N, C-alpha and C. Protein backbone atom coordinates (compact mmCIF):
# COMPACT_ATOMS: atom_id res chain seq x y z
N MET A 1 122.28 42.29 -99.48
CA MET A 1 121.76 41.64 -98.31
C MET A 1 122.83 41.00 -97.46
N VAL A 2 123.78 40.41 -98.13
CA VAL A 2 124.86 39.78 -97.41
C VAL A 2 125.63 40.82 -96.60
N THR A 3 125.80 42.00 -97.14
CA THR A 3 126.53 43.05 -96.46
C THR A 3 125.79 43.49 -95.21
N LYS A 4 124.47 43.64 -95.29
CA LYS A 4 123.68 44.04 -94.13
C LYS A 4 123.76 42.97 -93.04
N THR A 5 123.74 41.74 -93.41
CA THR A 5 123.80 40.64 -92.45
C THR A 5 125.15 40.64 -91.75
N LYS A 6 126.22 40.86 -92.50
CA LYS A 6 127.55 40.89 -91.90
C LYS A 6 127.68 42.06 -90.93
N LYS A 7 127.15 43.23 -91.31
CA LYS A 7 127.20 44.40 -90.44
C LYS A 7 126.44 44.14 -89.16
N LEU A 8 125.25 43.59 -89.30
CA LEU A 8 124.42 43.30 -88.14
C LEU A 8 125.10 42.29 -87.22
N LYS A 9 125.72 41.27 -87.83
CA LYS A 9 126.41 40.26 -87.05
C LYS A 9 127.59 40.87 -86.28
N LYS A 10 128.34 41.76 -86.93
CA LYS A 10 129.47 42.42 -86.28
C LYS A 10 128.99 43.30 -85.12
N GLU A 11 127.86 44.00 -85.31
CA GLU A 11 127.32 44.85 -84.25
C GLU A 11 126.91 44.01 -83.05
N VAL A 12 126.26 42.89 -83.31
CA VAL A 12 125.83 42.01 -82.22
C VAL A 12 127.04 41.45 -81.48
N GLU A 13 128.06 41.04 -82.22
CA GLU A 13 129.27 40.52 -81.60
C GLU A 13 129.97 41.60 -80.76
N ALA A 14 130.00 42.82 -81.28
CA ALA A 14 130.63 43.92 -80.55
C ALA A 14 129.89 44.21 -79.25
N LYS A 15 128.57 44.21 -79.31
CA LYS A 15 127.77 44.43 -78.10
C LYS A 15 127.98 43.31 -77.09
N ALA A 16 128.02 42.07 -77.58
CA ALA A 16 128.22 40.93 -76.69
C ALA A 16 129.60 41.00 -76.04
N THR A 17 130.61 41.39 -76.80
CA THR A 17 131.95 41.51 -76.25
C THR A 17 132.01 42.62 -75.21
N ALA A 18 131.35 43.74 -75.50
CA ALA A 18 131.33 44.85 -74.55
C ALA A 18 130.62 44.44 -73.26
N GLN A 19 129.52 43.73 -73.35
CA GLN A 19 128.80 43.28 -72.17
C GLN A 19 129.61 42.26 -71.38
N ALA A 20 130.30 41.37 -72.07
CA ALA A 20 131.12 40.36 -71.39
C ALA A 20 132.27 41.03 -70.66
N THR A 21 132.85 42.04 -71.28
CA THR A 21 133.95 42.76 -70.65
C THR A 21 133.46 43.52 -69.43
N ALA A 22 132.28 44.13 -69.55
CA ALA A 22 131.73 44.90 -68.42
C ALA A 22 131.40 44.00 -67.24
N THR A 23 130.90 42.81 -67.48
CA THR A 23 130.55 41.92 -66.38
C THR A 23 131.77 41.19 -65.84
N ALA A 24 132.78 40.98 -66.65
CA ALA A 24 133.96 40.27 -66.19
C ALA A 24 134.86 41.15 -65.34
N GLN A 25 134.84 42.45 -65.56
CA GLN A 25 135.69 43.36 -64.82
C GLN A 25 134.84 44.33 -64.01
N PRO A 26 134.43 43.93 -62.81
CA PRO A 26 133.62 44.85 -62.00
C PRO A 26 134.46 46.06 -61.60
N ALA A 27 133.79 47.16 -61.41
CA ALA A 27 134.48 48.39 -61.01
C ALA A 27 135.13 48.17 -59.66
N SER A 28 136.39 48.50 -59.54
CA SER A 28 137.08 48.30 -58.28
C SER A 28 136.71 49.42 -57.32
N PRO A 29 136.29 49.07 -56.11
CA PRO A 29 135.91 50.10 -55.14
C PRO A 29 137.14 50.84 -54.65
N ALA A 30 136.91 51.99 -54.08
CA ALA A 30 138.00 52.78 -53.52
C ALA A 30 138.61 51.99 -52.37
N PRO A 31 139.93 52.07 -52.21
CA PRO A 31 140.55 51.33 -51.11
C PRO A 31 140.02 51.79 -49.76
N GLN A 32 139.63 50.81 -48.95
CA GLN A 32 139.09 51.11 -47.63
C GLN A 32 139.89 50.36 -46.59
N GLN A 33 139.93 50.93 -45.40
CA GLN A 33 140.63 50.27 -44.31
C GLN A 33 139.79 49.10 -43.83
N SER A 34 140.44 48.00 -43.62
CA SER A 34 139.74 46.81 -43.15
C SER A 34 139.17 47.04 -41.76
N SER A 35 138.00 46.49 -41.51
CA SER A 35 137.38 46.68 -40.21
C SER A 35 138.04 45.82 -39.14
N THR A 36 138.96 44.95 -39.54
CA THR A 36 139.63 44.10 -38.57
C THR A 36 140.96 44.67 -38.10
N ASP A 37 141.37 45.82 -38.63
CA ASP A 37 142.62 46.43 -38.21
C ASP A 37 142.48 47.04 -36.81
N LEU A 38 143.52 46.89 -36.00
CA LEU A 38 143.54 47.48 -34.67
C LEU A 38 144.59 48.58 -34.64
N SER A 39 144.23 49.69 -34.07
CA SER A 39 145.18 50.79 -33.92
C SER A 39 145.61 50.88 -32.46
N ILE A 40 146.60 51.74 -32.21
CA ILE A 40 147.05 51.97 -30.84
C ILE A 40 145.90 52.54 -30.01
N ALA A 41 145.11 53.43 -30.62
CA ALA A 41 143.97 54.01 -29.91
C ALA A 41 142.96 52.93 -29.53
N ASP A 42 142.75 51.94 -30.40
CA ASP A 42 141.84 50.84 -30.09
C ASP A 42 142.34 50.05 -28.88
N LEU A 43 143.64 49.82 -28.84
CA LEU A 43 144.21 49.06 -27.72
C LEU A 43 144.14 49.85 -26.43
N LYS A 44 144.33 51.17 -26.50
CA LYS A 44 144.17 52.01 -25.31
C LYS A 44 142.73 51.98 -24.81
N ASN A 45 141.79 52.01 -25.74
CA ASN A 45 140.37 51.92 -25.37
C ASN A 45 140.07 50.56 -24.73
N LEU A 46 140.69 49.52 -25.23
CA LEU A 46 140.50 48.19 -24.66
C LEU A 46 141.00 48.14 -23.21
N ALA A 47 142.14 48.76 -22.96
CA ALA A 47 142.67 48.81 -21.59
C ALA A 47 141.70 49.57 -20.68
N THR A 48 141.13 50.65 -21.18
CA THR A 48 140.15 51.42 -20.40
C THR A 48 138.91 50.58 -20.12
N ILE A 49 138.46 49.82 -21.12
CA ILE A 49 137.28 48.96 -20.95
C ILE A 49 137.55 47.92 -19.86
N ILE A 50 138.73 47.31 -19.89
CA ILE A 50 139.07 46.31 -18.86
C ILE A 50 139.08 46.96 -17.48
N ASP A 51 139.65 48.15 -17.39
CA ASP A 51 139.72 48.85 -16.11
C ASP A 51 138.32 49.17 -15.58
N VAL A 52 137.46 49.69 -16.43
CA VAL A 52 136.09 50.05 -16.02
C VAL A 52 135.30 48.80 -15.65
N ALA A 53 135.45 47.74 -16.45
CA ALA A 53 134.70 46.51 -16.17
C ALA A 53 135.13 45.89 -14.84
N SER A 54 136.41 45.93 -14.55
CA SER A 54 136.87 45.36 -13.28
C SER A 54 136.41 46.22 -12.10
N THR A 55 136.38 47.54 -12.29
CA THR A 55 135.91 48.43 -11.23
C THR A 55 134.44 48.18 -10.93
N ARG A 56 133.67 47.87 -11.94
CA ARG A 56 132.23 47.64 -11.77
C ARG A 56 131.90 46.21 -11.37
N GLY A 57 132.90 45.38 -11.19
CA GLY A 57 132.66 44.01 -10.74
C GLY A 57 132.18 43.08 -11.83
N ALA A 58 132.61 43.27 -13.05
CA ALA A 58 132.15 42.44 -14.16
C ALA A 58 132.83 41.08 -14.21
N PHE A 59 133.92 40.91 -13.47
CA PHE A 59 134.67 39.66 -13.51
C PHE A 59 134.54 38.94 -12.19
N ARG A 60 134.50 37.60 -12.25
CA ARG A 60 134.47 36.80 -11.04
C ARG A 60 135.86 36.74 -10.43
N ALA A 61 135.91 36.35 -9.18
CA ALA A 61 137.19 36.31 -8.47
C ALA A 61 138.18 35.37 -9.15
N ASN A 62 137.70 34.21 -9.63
CA ASN A 62 138.62 33.26 -10.26
C ASN A 62 139.08 33.74 -11.65
N GLU A 63 138.46 34.77 -12.20
CA GLU A 63 138.85 35.31 -13.50
C GLU A 63 139.80 36.50 -13.37
N MET A 64 139.91 37.06 -12.18
CA MET A 64 140.67 38.29 -11.99
C MET A 64 142.15 38.13 -12.32
N ALA A 65 142.74 36.98 -12.01
CA ALA A 65 144.17 36.77 -12.30
C ALA A 65 144.42 36.81 -13.81
N THR A 66 143.55 36.16 -14.56
CA THR A 66 143.71 36.13 -16.02
C THR A 66 143.48 37.52 -16.61
N VAL A 67 142.44 38.19 -16.14
CA VAL A 67 142.14 39.54 -16.63
C VAL A 67 143.28 40.49 -16.28
N GLY A 68 143.78 40.40 -15.07
CA GLY A 68 144.89 41.25 -14.64
C GLY A 68 146.16 41.00 -15.43
N ALA A 69 146.44 39.74 -15.72
CA ALA A 69 147.63 39.40 -16.51
C ALA A 69 147.51 39.98 -17.92
N MET A 70 146.34 39.86 -18.51
CA MET A 70 146.13 40.42 -19.86
C MET A 70 146.22 41.93 -19.84
N TYR A 71 145.68 42.56 -18.81
CA TYR A 71 145.75 44.01 -18.69
C TYR A 71 147.19 44.47 -18.56
N ASN A 72 147.97 43.79 -17.73
CA ASN A 72 149.38 44.14 -17.56
C ASN A 72 150.16 43.95 -18.86
N LYS A 73 149.87 42.88 -19.57
CA LYS A 73 150.53 42.61 -20.84
C LYS A 73 150.19 43.70 -21.87
N LEU A 74 148.92 44.10 -21.90
CA LEU A 74 148.47 45.15 -22.81
C LEU A 74 149.13 46.48 -22.47
N GLN A 75 149.22 46.81 -21.19
CA GLN A 75 149.86 48.05 -20.76
C GLN A 75 151.35 48.07 -21.13
N ALA A 76 152.02 46.94 -20.97
CA ALA A 76 153.44 46.86 -21.31
C ALA A 76 153.64 47.04 -22.82
N PHE A 77 152.76 46.43 -23.61
CA PHE A 77 152.84 46.57 -25.06
C PHE A 77 152.62 48.02 -25.47
N LEU A 78 151.61 48.66 -24.89
CA LEU A 78 151.32 50.06 -25.22
C LEU A 78 152.48 50.97 -24.82
N ALA A 79 153.13 50.67 -23.72
CA ALA A 79 154.27 51.48 -23.30
C ALA A 79 155.43 51.36 -24.28
N ARG A 80 155.57 50.19 -24.89
CA ARG A 80 156.64 49.98 -25.87
C ARG A 80 156.36 50.64 -27.21
N VAL A 81 155.11 50.54 -27.70
CA VAL A 81 154.82 50.99 -29.06
C VAL A 81 154.23 52.39 -29.15
N ALA A 82 153.67 52.88 -28.08
CA ALA A 82 153.04 54.20 -28.13
C ALA A 82 154.13 55.27 -28.24
N PRO A 83 153.89 56.28 -29.06
CA PRO A 83 154.88 57.35 -29.17
C PRO A 83 155.02 58.09 -27.84
N GLU A 84 156.25 58.46 -27.54
CA GLU A 84 156.53 59.16 -26.28
C GLU A 84 155.90 60.55 -26.33
N PRO A 85 155.20 60.96 -25.27
CA PRO A 85 154.65 62.32 -25.27
C PRO A 85 155.77 63.34 -25.15
N LYS A 86 155.61 64.45 -25.86
CA LYS A 86 156.63 65.50 -25.83
C LYS A 86 156.57 66.21 -24.48
N PRO A 87 157.69 66.37 -23.82
CA PRO A 87 157.70 67.02 -22.51
C PRO A 87 157.51 68.53 -22.66
N GLU A 88 156.27 68.99 -22.78
CA GLU A 88 155.97 70.41 -22.96
C GLU A 88 156.24 71.19 -21.67
N ALA A 89 155.92 70.58 -20.54
CA ALA A 89 156.11 71.27 -19.26
C ALA A 89 157.59 71.51 -18.99
N LYS A 90 158.43 70.52 -19.30
CA LYS A 90 159.87 70.67 -19.08
C LYS A 90 160.44 71.72 -20.02
N THR A 91 159.92 71.79 -21.23
CA THR A 91 160.40 72.80 -22.18
C THR A 91 160.06 74.19 -21.69
N ALA A 92 158.88 74.35 -21.13
CA ALA A 92 158.47 75.66 -20.61
C ALA A 92 159.32 76.04 -19.41
N GLU A 93 159.64 75.08 -18.55
CA GLU A 93 160.49 75.36 -17.39
C GLU A 93 161.89 75.74 -17.81
N ALA A 94 162.42 75.10 -18.83
CA ALA A 94 163.78 75.40 -19.28
C ALA A 94 163.86 76.77 -19.91
N ALA A 95 162.78 77.22 -20.53
CA ALA A 95 162.75 78.53 -21.18
C ALA A 95 162.62 79.66 -20.17
N ALA A 96 162.04 79.38 -19.00
CA ALA A 96 161.85 80.42 -17.97
C ALA A 96 163.19 80.74 -17.32
N PRO A 97 163.41 81.98 -16.93
CA PRO A 97 164.67 82.35 -16.27
C PRO A 97 164.80 81.66 -14.91
N ALA A 98 166.01 81.29 -14.56
CA ALA A 98 166.27 80.54 -13.32
C ALA A 98 166.10 81.42 -12.08
N GLY A 99 166.50 82.65 -12.15
CA GLY A 99 166.41 83.51 -10.97
C GLY A 99 165.76 84.84 -11.32
N LYS A 100 165.23 85.55 -10.28
CA LYS A 100 164.56 86.83 -10.54
C LYS A 100 165.46 87.97 -10.27
């Protein structure tokens, strides 16, 4: 009888330990990009939104200076960090013969 009690006690302890381990260590989710990250494309879209909103008269006259300053600052930043477009047209012109 003592042996059965010890076995049963060990089984219960093992189950309790397994359950405690399972609840203490939740499954880690797959790494996801944070929704607060901004990309260059997001900033370009923001510049477009400002342009469209100002064209449609969404800003008051006293707000235009601030909006314009932010738009100019955003455009300057994008010009600095955005990758330079490859000059495909110039490459095609250089490959064409100069004279006929």
